[in-house]
Amino acid sequence: TADLLQIMSVVFSRYGWIKAQEILKTNDFQPYQLNGFTFTISGLLALIYSFFNGTLGEFYNINWSFYLIFLLFYTLVIGNMIAYTLYGAALKKYNITLISLAGLSIPLFTHLMGPFVFGEPISFYFFVSLSFLFLALYIFYKK
């Protein structure tokens, strides 16, 4: 069932981005407005889930360090506020298929952060995956 839920997650995520593109192309909302709205709704749903799950407020048990606060700030500002707003701006201009294909690069760039944050080595498979991704993007964009 976990595999089925993962597949459903991808399907619903892509469907959500298709709907986001439709909303952005009507010029009723700017990318930053849509981003703010969706993250507000997502945050409220997470709070409701935490309340019913019994985990609301457990973040006080976290060992807060400067490094953890920095990573949290980086994720919120760079990863969520800036990156998703840019993603929305790209949706307004480019084909959803190209943007979705480019979205496959997110795990690769996350892996690229490993050496800087955790001192992890970059594997050979990373460069193979990166090559295939950029080749696919190039072929798609040229067609």
Protein backbone atom coordinates (compact mmCIF):
# COMPACT_ATOMS: atom_id res chain seq x y z
CA THR A 1 0.00 0.00 0.00
CA ALA A 2 2.93 2.37 0.58
CA ASP A 3 3.90 2.15 -3.09
CA LEU A 4 0.36 2.92 -4.17
CA LEU A 5 0.25 5.93 -1.83
CA GLN A 6 3.53 7.21 -3.27
CA ILE A 7 2.18 6.93 -6.81
CA MET A 8 -1.04 8.67 -5.76
CA SER A 9 1.04 11.42 -4.16
CA VAL A 10 2.86 12.05 -7.43
CA VAL A 11 -0.39 12.02 -9.41
CA PHE A 12 -2.12 14.48 -7.08
CA SER A 13 0.96 16.69 -6.95
CA ARG A 14 1.17 16.92 -10.73
CA TYR A 15 -2.57 17.53 -10.96
CA GLY A 16 -2.20 20.33 -8.44
CA TRP A 17 0.54 21.95 -10.52
CA ILE A 18 -1.61 21.66 -13.65
CA LYS A 19 -4.41 23.48 -11.81
CA ALA A 20 -1.91 26.03 -10.49
CA GLN A 21 -0.78 26.73 -14.05
CA GLU A 22 -4.39 27.26 -15.14
CA ILE A 23 -4.91 29.73 -12.27
CA LEU A 24 -1.66 31.58 -13.02
CA LYS A 25 -2.40 31.86 -16.73
CA THR A 26 -5.69 33.66 -16.01
CA ASN A 27 -3.62 36.42 -14.35
CA ASP A 28 -6.00 36.43 -11.36
CA PHE A 29 -3.08 35.60 -9.06
CA GLN A 30 0.63 36.26 -9.13
CA PRO A 31 2.98 33.35 -8.33
CA TYR A 32 3.85 34.74 -4.87
CA GLN A 33 0.14 35.09 -4.02
CA LEU A 34 -0.64 31.54 -5.06
CA ASN A 35 2.42 30.31 -3.16
CA GLY A 36 1.36 32.16 -0.01
CA PHE A 37 -2.18 30.84 -0.28
CA THR A 38 -1.18 27.22 -0.81
CA PHE A 39 1.39 27.26 1.99
CA THR A 40 -1.13 28.84 4.38
CA ILE A 41 -3.68 26.12 3.59
CA SER A 42 -0.98 23.43 3.88
CA GLY A 43 0.14 24.79 7.24
CA LEU A 44 -3.41 24.83 8.56
CA LEU A 45 -3.96 21.25 7.39
CA ALA A 46 -0.71 20.21 9.10
CA LEU A 47 -1.85 21.85 12.35
CA ILE A 48 -5.22 20.11 12.17
CA TYR A 49 -3.51 16.78 11.52
CA SER A 50 -1.12 17.35 14.44
CA PHE A 51 -4.02 18.22 16.71
CA PHE A 52 -5.92 15.01 15.92
CA ASN A 53 -2.72 12.93 15.86
CA GLY A 54 -1.77 14.16 19.33
CA THR A 55 1.56 15.61 18.25
CA LEU A 56 0.63 19.30 18.35
CA GLY A 57 3.25 21.21 20.33
CA GLU A 58 5.88 18.48 20.39
CA PHE A 59 8.34 20.74 18.61
CA TYR A 60 9.27 22.04 22.08
CA ASN A 61 11.07 18.75 22.67
CA ILE A 62 13.51 19.49 19.83
CA ASN A 63 17.09 20.34 20.73
CA TRP A 64 17.19 23.78 19.09
CA SER A 65 20.68 24.68 17.93
CA PHE A 66 21.92 27.51 15.75
CA TYR A 67 22.61 24.98 12.99
CA LEU A 68 19.07 23.58 13.15
CA ILE A 69 17.56 27.06 13.11
CA PHE A 70 19.75 27.96 10.13
CA LEU A 71 18.60 24.85 8.21
CA LEU A 72 14.98 25.56 9.09
CA PHE A 73 15.32 29.18 7.95
CA TYR A 74 17.07 28.09 4.77
CA THR A 75 14.33 25.57 3.99
CA LEU A 76 11.52 28.04 4.66
CA VAL A 77 12.96 31.04 2.86
CA ILE A 78 15.04 29.56 0.04
CA GLY A 79 13.28 26.25 -0.49
CA ASN A 80 9.69 27.28 0.03
CA MET A 81 9.24 31.02 -0.40
CA ILE A 82 11.73 31.73 -3.18
CA ALA A 83 11.98 28.41 -5.03
CA TYR A 84 8.26 27.70 -5.20
CA THR A 85 7.50 31.26 -6.24
CA LEU A 86 10.05 30.91 -9.06
CA TYR A 87 8.48 27.54 -9.93
CA GLY A 88 5.10 29.27 -10.20
CA ALA A 89 6.60 32.02 -12.37
CA ALA A 90 8.06 29.34 -14.65
CA LEU A 91 4.64 27.65 -14.82
CA LYS A 92 3.18 30.89 -16.08
CA LYS A 93 5.65 31.01 -18.96
CA TYR A 94 6.57 27.42 -19.91
CA ASN A 95 4.81 24.14 -20.69
CA ILE A 96 3.76 22.11 -17.63
CA THR A 97 5.45 19.01 -19.04
CA LEU A 98 8.80 20.78 -19.27
CA ILE A 99 8.43 22.21 -15.76
CA SER A 100 7.49 18.79 -14.37
CA LEU A 101 10.47 17.22 -16.09
CA ALA A 102 12.71 19.94 -14.68
CA GLY A 103 11.18 19.20 -11.28
CA LEU A 104 12.90 15.85 -11.40
CA SER A 105 16.12 17.77 -10.76
CA ILE A 106 15.03 18.63 -7.20
CA PRO A 107 16.31 15.38 -5.63
CA LEU A 108 19.54 15.78 -7.57
CA PHE A 109 20.13 19.27 -6.22
CA THR A 110 19.19 18.03 -2.77
CA HIS A 111 21.83 15.33 -3.13
CA LEU A 112 24.28 18.01 -4.21
CA MET A 113 23.74 19.78 -0.88
CA GLY A 114 24.91 16.64 0.99
CA PRO A 115 28.61 17.41 0.72
CA PHE A 116 28.12 20.97 1.97
CA VAL A 117 25.78 20.20 4.86
CA PHE A 118 26.78 16.70 5.98
CA GLY A 119 30.15 16.13 4.31
CA GLU A 120 28.77 13.26 2.22
CA PRO A 121 30.61 12.15 -0.92
CA ILE A 122 29.02 12.68 -4.32
CA SER A 123 28.51 9.34 -6.02
CA PHE A 124 29.11 8.39 -9.62
CA TYR A 125 25.39 7.64 -9.95
CA PHE A 126 24.61 11.28 -9.21
CA PHE A 127 26.48 12.37 -12.33
CA VAL A 128 24.84 9.63 -14.41
CA SER A 129 21.38 10.73 -13.22
CA LEU A 130 22.21 14.37 -13.81
CA SER A 131 23.39 13.60 -17.35
CA PHE A 132 20.21 11.69 -18.20
CA LEU A 133 18.03 14.43 -16.75
CA PHE A 134 19.73 17.21 -18.71
CA LEU A 135 19.68 15.10 -21.87
CA ALA A 136 15.93 14.54 -21.43
CA LEU A 137 15.36 18.25 -20.82
CA TYR A 138 17.41 19.16 -23.87
CA ILE A 139 15.54 16.68 -26.12
CA PHE A 140 12.17 17.83 -24.82
CA TYR A 141 12.99 21.51 -25.15
CA LYS A 142 14.30 21.11 -28.73
CA LYS A 143 11.16 19.21 -29.83
